[in-house]
Amino acid sequence: MKFTDGYWQLRPGLTRLRPAAVESVEATERSLVVYAPAKQIAGRGDTLNQPLFTVTLSSPAPDVIGVTIEHHSGGLPARPAFGLATGDDHPVKVEIDQETARLTSGDLTAVVRLEGPWNLRFERDGKALTDSSARSVGLITDQQGRQYLHEQLALGVGETVYGLGERFGPLVKNGQVVDIWNADGGTSSEQAYKNVPFYLSSAGYGVLVDTPAHVSFEVGSEVVSRNQFSVEGQQLTYFVIGGPEPKDVLRRYTALTGRPARVPAWSMGLWLSTSFTTDYTEETTSSFVEGMASRDLPLSVFHFDCFWMRQFHWCDFLWDPVAFPDRPGWCAG
């Protein structure tokens, strides 16, 4: 979702709050809680009627750092939610000095600057991967009172972004608008059936936005040097997953989110579908299968699209008795 009119202005009817600077930090053995008001605090009077952002850094798994940004907190947990394999049996290092607060998990470190404008930087082995800077975080309110939280993580020169689930456009997502919301839009549009709010960067990290709700990604399409993601509400949680290689990011991502069972061998073979445009009869579908066999083309799966059901009965899952009068015998043969 785009909130700006160009780079300098918000779209008409929108207002925005941003964390301006860090006011204080609280540390535990495994987390950092950062309090960032929406303006620089010059005196005690500036704290009155002042919106405050709470940013919590933690590590649910090795080389994974979670960031939760909140404006108003409280209420019941959002449901449904992703089931993540989180744990606290891996080392986490928390440090605070005069200039920075740091949380390290494995080779991945989140660095919060304590002086000056808001800045949260992610490093691997001391090398910067991406950051959230002064204009990155925003709480947007529209004319209907709906509120959205967005984050923008920096994209370096030449950095490319991949992923976000099933997509039918270019493999590289830079410059695209991607809405994470499953829809039956066909295979020739920006809508998709299997959306996933996870992307992989060529810079050696991945990002998972922790919600099954609607997530809008602006991959260099609102600010050309940043990847923006936004959700409706008062809270946004995302995980930065360390690399350095794509296989390392994917291994840690799947360890966090869960791995599927091994697929059967037949699923790796050639699939054939009649699609929607073919007459569905026993004779027609048999001719497809027999045609493959006559050409010595190995066929593992034959896929029936929804016309195997009676027309205008797309939800009862009953075979069309006219097109397939002897389905049990035909399938057995």
Protein backbone atom coordinates (compact mmCIF):
# COMPACT_ATOMS: atom_id res chain seq x y z
CA MET A 1 0.00 0.00 0.00
CA LYS A 2 1.42 3.35 -0.99
CA PHE A 3 1.04 6.16 1.51
CA THR A 4 2.99 8.92 -0.21
CA ASP A 5 2.42 11.26 -3.11
CA GLY A 6 5.92 11.22 -4.51
CA TYR A 7 8.74 11.26 -1.99
CA TRP A 8 7.97 14.37 0.07
CA GLN A 9 4.22 14.36 0.64
CA LEU A 10 1.63 12.06 2.13
CA ARG A 11 -1.44 11.26 0.08
CA PRO A 12 -4.43 13.51 0.84
CA GLY A 13 -6.30 12.58 4.01
CA LEU A 14 -3.44 10.67 5.64
CA THR A 15 -1.45 11.56 8.75
CA ARG A 16 1.72 9.88 10.02
CA LEU A 17 3.65 9.47 13.26
CA ARG A 18 7.27 8.35 13.30
CA PRO A 19 9.72 7.41 16.06
CA ALA A 20 12.05 10.39 16.19
CA ALA A 21 14.79 9.19 18.54
CA VAL A 22 15.47 6.79 21.38
CA GLU A 23 14.36 8.02 24.79
CA SER A 24 15.41 4.98 26.81
CA VAL A 25 16.29 1.28 26.54
CA GLU A 26 15.55 -1.61 28.86
CA ALA A 27 17.62 -4.78 28.62
CA THR A 28 17.05 -8.34 29.77
CA GLU A 29 19.33 -11.30 29.30
CA ARG A 30 17.74 -12.05 25.91
CA SER A 31 15.96 -8.91 24.70
CA LEU A 32 16.04 -5.15 24.26
CA VAL A 33 13.01 -2.90 24.70
CA VAL A 34 13.46 0.49 23.06
CA TYR A 35 11.20 3.46 23.76
CA ALA A 36 11.09 6.02 20.96
CA PRO A 37 8.75 9.05 21.13
CA ALA A 38 7.43 10.74 18.01
CA LYS A 39 9.54 13.86 18.57
CA GLN A 40 12.89 14.79 20.04
CA ILE A 41 12.59 15.33 23.80
CA ALA A 42 14.25 18.61 24.77
CA GLY A 43 12.55 19.00 28.14
CA ARG A 44 10.09 17.32 30.45
CA GLY A 45 7.18 19.23 28.93
CA ASP A 46 7.82 17.49 25.61
CA THR A 47 6.73 14.20 27.17
CA LEU A 48 3.17 15.41 27.72
CA ASN A 49 0.60 14.10 25.21
CA GLN A 50 3.48 12.60 23.28
CA PRO A 51 2.94 9.39 21.26
CA LEU A 52 5.47 6.69 22.03
CA PHE A 53 6.66 3.72 19.99
CA THR A 54 7.87 0.59 21.73
CA VAL A 55 10.32 -1.52 19.73
CA THR A 56 11.24 -4.92 21.14
CA LEU A 57 14.23 -6.89 19.84
CA SER A 58 14.57 -10.59 20.56
CA SER A 59 15.89 -13.79 19.01
CA PRO A 60 13.55 -16.75 18.52
CA ALA A 61 16.25 -18.91 16.89
CA PRO A 62 19.99 -18.79 16.11
CA ASP A 63 20.92 -16.10 13.56
CA VAL A 64 17.33 -14.78 13.62
CA ILE A 65 16.35 -11.44 15.17
CA GLY A 66 12.74 -10.48 15.76
CA VAL A 67 11.51 -6.88 15.79
CA THR A 68 8.11 -5.91 17.20
CA ILE A 69 6.98 -2.31 16.69
CA GLU A 70 4.00 -1.17 18.77
CA HIS A 71 2.08 2.05 19.19
CA HIS A 72 -0.85 1.01 21.39
CA SER A 73 -0.34 -2.44 22.88
CA GLY A 74 -2.70 -4.73 24.74
CA GLY A 75 -5.85 -6.61 23.83
CA LEU A 76 -6.27 -10.21 22.84
CA PRO A 77 -3.59 -11.83 20.64
CA ALA A 78 -4.40 -11.72 16.95
CA ARG A 79 -5.78 -14.97 15.57
CA PRO A 80 -5.09 -16.86 13.42
CA ALA A 81 -1.32 -16.73 13.78
CA PHE A 82 1.70 -18.53 12.39
CA GLY A 83 2.98 -21.42 14.48
CA LEU A 84 6.71 -20.76 14.82
CA ALA A 85 9.38 -23.01 16.32
CA THR A 86 10.82 -20.49 18.77
CA GLY A 87 13.20 -21.26 21.61
CA ASP A 88 15.54 -19.78 24.18
CA ASP A 89 18.22 -22.47 24.31
CA HIS A 90 20.63 -20.66 21.97
CA PRO A 91 23.10 -17.94 23.02
CA VAL A 92 21.96 -14.30 22.81
CA LYS A 93 24.23 -11.38 23.69
CA VAL A 94 22.81 -8.03 24.84
CA GLU A 95 25.06 -4.97 25.19
CA ILE A 96 24.46 -1.28 25.91
CA ASP A 97 27.05 1.48 25.82
CA GLN A 98 26.83 5.26 25.51
CA GLU A 99 26.19 5.21 21.75
CA THR A 100 24.41 1.97 20.92
CA ALA A 101 22.31 -0.91 22.19
CA ARG A 102 23.09 -4.26 20.54
CA LEU A 103 21.49 -7.68 20.41
CA THR A 104 23.47 -10.51 18.82
CA SER A 105 22.31 -13.99 17.85
CA GLY A 106 24.94 -16.10 16.14
CA ASP A 107 26.65 -13.90 13.55
CA LEU A 108 23.65 -11.54 13.24
CA THR A 109 23.49 -8.31 15.25
CA ALA A 110 20.84 -5.60 15.60
CA VAL A 111 22.30 -2.20 16.50
CA VAL A 112 20.10 0.62 17.85
CA ARG A 113 21.63 4.09 17.80
CA LEU A 114 20.94 5.86 21.09
CA GLU A 115 21.83 9.39 19.95
CA GLY A 116 20.44 11.30 16.98
CA PRO A 117 17.56 10.29 14.70
CA TRP A 118 16.02 6.82 14.81
CA ASN A 119 18.25 4.12 13.35
CA LEU A 120 18.15 0.34 13.67
CA ARG A 121 20.89 -1.44 11.72
CA PHE A 122 21.37 -5.14 11.04
CA GLU A 123 24.91 -6.47 10.68
CA ARG A 124 26.53 -9.81 9.95
CA ASP A 125 30.09 -10.22 11.19
CA GLY A 126 30.30 -6.43 11.46
CA LYS A 127 29.11 -5.81 7.88
CA ALA A 128 25.89 -3.84 7.43
CA LEU A 129 23.07 -5.78 5.73
CA THR A 130 20.15 -3.34 5.93
CA ASP A 131 18.71 -0.72 8.25
CA SER A 132 15.59 1.08 9.44
CA SER A 133 16.32 4.81 9.50
CA ALA A 134 14.62 8.08 10.38
CA ARG A 135 11.88 7.88 7.72
CA SER A 136 11.39 4.11 7.80
CA VAL A 137 8.83 3.42 10.53
CA GLY A 138 5.44 5.09 10.36
CA LEU A 139 1.99 4.86 11.88
CA ILE A 140 -0.50 5.99 9.25
CA THR A 141 -4.07 7.11 9.99
CA ASP A 142 -6.55 7.55 7.15
CA GLN A 143 -9.76 9.60 6.98
CA GLN A 144 -11.84 6.66 8.22
CA GLY A 145 -9.66 6.28 11.30
CA ARG A 146 -7.99 3.10 10.11
CA GLN A 147 -4.36 2.78 11.13
CA TYR A 148 -1.43 1.03 9.50
CA LEU A 149 2.13 0.40 10.63
CA HIS A 150 4.90 0.29 8.07
CA GLU A 151 8.59 -0.47 8.10
CA GLN A 152 11.11 0.28 5.36
CA LEU A 153 14.37 -1.67 5.20
CA ALA A 154 17.18 -0.30 3.06
CA LEU A 155 18.04 -1.80 -0.32
CA GLY A 156 21.64 -1.39 -1.40
CA VAL A 157 22.82 -0.54 -4.90
CA GLY A 158 22.30 -3.62 -7.05
CA GLU A 159 20.50 -5.52 -4.27
CA THR A 160 17.72 -7.76 -5.57
CA VAL A 161 14.71 -9.24 -3.79
CA TYR A 162 13.11 -12.64 -4.39
CA GLY A 163 10.29 -14.68 -2.90
CA LEU A 164 6.91 -13.59 -1.45
CA GLY A 165 5.36 -16.93 -2.36
CA GLU A 166 3.78 -17.89 -5.64
CA ARG A 167 4.00 -15.08 -8.18
CA PHE A 168 3.37 -14.91 -11.92
CA GLY A 169 5.48 -11.85 -12.74
CA PRO A 170 9.25 -11.34 -12.92
CA LEU A 171 11.44 -13.39 -10.60
CA VAL A 172 13.18 -10.27 -9.28
CA LYS A 173 10.62 -8.36 -7.19
CA ASN A 174 12.32 -4.94 -7.25
CA GLY A 175 9.91 -2.27 -8.48
CA GLN A 176 6.82 -4.37 -7.78
CA VAL A 177 3.81 -3.93 -5.50
CA VAL A 178 2.93 -7.25 -3.87
CA ASP A 179 -0.13 -7.78 -1.69
CA ILE A 180 0.05 -10.90 0.46
CA TRP A 181 -3.54 -12.10 0.22
CA ASN A 182 -4.58 -15.37 -1.39
CA ALA A 183 -7.04 -14.89 -4.26
CA ASP A 184 -8.33 -16.85 -7.23
CA GLY A 185 -7.09 -14.32 -9.76
CA GLY A 186 -5.76 -16.73 -12.35
CA THR A 187 -2.15 -17.15 -13.42
CA SER A 188 -1.78 -13.97 -15.46
CA SER A 189 -2.19 -11.23 -12.86
CA GLU A 190 -0.47 -9.86 -9.78
CA GLN A 191 -2.83 -11.90 -7.58
CA ALA A 192 -1.75 -15.38 -6.51
CA TYR A 193 -3.03 -18.47 -4.75
CA LYS A 194 -0.13 -19.12 -2.38
CA ASN A 195 1.25 -15.89 -0.94
CA VAL A 196 3.98 -15.94 1.71
CA PRO A 197 5.19 -12.78 3.54
CA PHE A 198 8.85 -13.79 3.27
CA TYR A 199 11.50 -12.43 0.95
CA LEU A 200 15.11 -13.29 0.26
CA SER A 201 17.72 -10.62 -0.47
CA SER A 202 20.82 -11.01 -2.62
CA ALA A 203 22.65 -9.16 0.18
CA GLY A 204 22.59 -12.29 2.32
CA TYR A 205 19.52 -12.11 4.55
CA GLY A 206 15.80 -12.79 4.53
CA VAL A 207 12.76 -11.14 6.14
CA LEU A 208 9.56 -12.76 7.39
CA VAL A 209 6.60 -10.57 8.38
CA ASP A 210 4.88 -12.44 11.18
CA THR A 211 1.20 -12.29 10.28
CA PRO A 212 -1.19 -14.31 8.09
CA ALA A 213 -3.24 -11.13 7.60
CA HIS A 214 -2.95 -8.77 4.64
CA VAL A 215 0.64 -7.54 4.20
CA SER A 216 1.44 -5.00 1.50
CA PHE A 217 4.98 -4.91 0.09
CA GLU A 218 6.40 -1.98 -1.86
CA VAL A 219 9.68 -3.41 -3.12
CA GLY A 220 11.49 -0.26 -4.13
CA SER A 221 8.17 0.96 -5.55
CA GLU A 222 7.39 3.69 -3.01
CA VAL A 223 10.95 4.60 -2.05
CA VAL A 224 13.38 3.26 -4.64
CA SER A 225 16.09 2.56 -2.05
CA ARG A 226 13.83 0.76 0.44
CA ASN A 227 11.60 -2.27 0.75
CA GLN A 228 8.42 -1.23 2.56
CA PHE A 229 5.96 -3.60 4.21
CA SER A 230 2.81 -2.54 6.04
CA VAL A 231 -0.03 -4.08 8.03
CA GLU A 232 -3.26 -2.72 9.40
CA GLY A 233 -3.29 -2.17 13.15
CA GLN A 234 -1.08 -0.98 15.99
CA GLN A 235 1.58 -3.70 15.90
CA LEU A 236 4.04 -5.05 13.35
CA THR A 237 6.42 -7.97 13.91
CA TYR A 238 9.09 -9.13 11.51
CA PHE A 239 12.15 -11.37 11.63
CA VAL A 240 15.49 -10.72 9.97
CA ILE A 241 17.11 -14.06 9.10
CA GLY A 242 20.86 -14.25 8.57
CA GLY A 243 22.77 -15.93 5.74
CA PRO A 244 25.22 -15.39 4.20
CA GLU A 245 24.20 -17.81 1.43
CA PRO A 246 20.60 -18.24 0.22
CA LYS A 247 20.66 -21.86 1.40
CA ASP A 248 21.59 -20.65 4.91
CA VAL A 249 18.70 -18.18 4.99
CA LEU A 250 16.24 -20.79 3.73
CA ARG A 251 17.49 -23.40 6.19
CA ARG A 252 16.94 -21.04 9.11
CA TYR A 253 13.63 -19.82 7.72
CA THR A 254 12.22 -23.33 7.36
CA ALA A 255 13.53 -24.31 10.81
CA LEU A 256 11.54 -21.38 12.21
CA THR A 257 8.33 -21.87 10.24
CA GLY A 258 8.30 -25.66 9.83
CA ARG A 259 9.33 -28.04 7.09
CA PRO A 260 6.96 -30.18 5.04
CA ALA A 261 7.10 -33.94 4.84
CA ARG A 262 9.09 -35.40 1.97
CA VAL A 263 6.95 -35.44 -1.15
CA PRO A 264 6.28 -38.81 -2.81
CA ALA A 265 8.41 -39.77 -5.80
CA TRP A 266 5.45 -39.73 -8.21
CA SER A 267 4.89 -36.04 -7.58
CA MET A 268 8.25 -35.28 -9.18
CA GLY A 269 7.19 -36.75 -12.51
CA LEU A 270 5.38 -35.21 -15.46
CA TRP A 271 1.88 -33.81 -14.79
CA LEU A 272 -0.76 -33.35 -17.50
CA SER A 273 -3.88 -31.21 -17.11
CA THR A 274 -6.97 -30.80 -19.28
CA SER A 275 -7.40 -27.24 -17.98
CA PHE A 276 -10.77 -25.51 -18.48
CA THR A 277 -10.97 -25.40 -22.26
CA THR A 278 -11.33 -29.11 -23.05
CA ASP A 279 -14.54 -31.13 -23.15
CA TYR A 280 -14.60 -33.36 -20.11
CA THR A 281 -15.65 -36.88 -21.02
CA GLU A 282 -14.27 -40.32 -20.40
CA GLU A 283 -13.32 -40.52 -24.08
CA THR A 284 -11.49 -37.17 -24.16
CA THR A 285 -9.52 -37.65 -20.99
CA SER A 286 -8.63 -41.23 -21.91
CA SER A 287 -7.31 -40.00 -25.25
CA PHE A 288 -4.88 -37.69 -23.45
CA VAL A 289 -3.48 -40.47 -21.30
CA GLU A 290 -3.34 -42.94 -24.20
CA GLY A 291 -1.69 -40.29 -26.39
CA MET A 292 1.11 -39.90 -23.89
CA ALA A 293 1.62 -43.64 -23.67
CA SER A 294 1.65 -44.06 -27.46
CA ARG A 295 4.47 -41.50 -27.66
CA ASP A 296 6.45 -43.15 -24.85
CA LEU A 297 6.10 -40.04 -22.71
CA PRO A 298 6.18 -40.96 -19.02
CA LEU A 299 3.14 -39.56 -17.21
CA SER A 300 3.01 -39.53 -13.41
CA VAL A 301 -0.12 -37.47 -12.76
CA PHE A 302 -3.24 -36.61 -14.72
CA HIS A 303 -4.96 -33.53 -13.28
CA PHE A 304 -8.67 -32.91 -13.65
CA ASP A 305 -9.67 -29.28 -13.37
CA CYS A 306 -13.06 -28.40 -11.94
CA PHE A 307 -15.10 -29.42 -15.00
CA TRP A 308 -15.07 -33.01 -13.70
CA MET A 309 -18.02 -31.80 -11.59
CA ARG A 310 -21.46 -30.93 -12.88
CA GLN A 311 -21.79 -27.41 -14.20
CA PHE A 312 -23.09 -24.92 -11.61
CA HIS A 313 -22.30 -27.46 -8.88
CA TRP A 314 -18.69 -26.48 -8.20
CA CYS A 315 -18.82 -27.17 -4.48
CA ASP A 316 -20.46 -30.57 -4.04
CA PHE A 317 -17.43 -32.57 -5.26
CA LEU A 318 -19.58 -35.06 -7.17
CA TRP A 319 -18.49 -36.39 -10.57
CA ASP A 320 -20.58 -35.39 -13.55
CA PRO A 321 -22.63 -38.54 -14.27
CA VAL A 322 -23.21 -37.50 -17.89
CA ALA A 323 -19.55 -36.95 -18.79
CA PHE A 324 -18.35 -39.86 -16.63
CA PRO A 325 -21.17 -42.43 -16.56
CA ASP A 326 -18.90 -45.26 -15.42
CA ARG A 327 -16.29 -43.46 -13.34
CA PRO A 328 -15.36 -46.44 -11.06
CA GLY A 329 -14.89 -48.77 -14.00
CA TRP A 330 -13.14 -46.14 -16.07
CA CYS A 331 -10.69 -45.29 -13.30
CA ALA A 332 -10.02 -48.96 -12.62
CA GLY A 333 -9.32 -49.55 -16.31
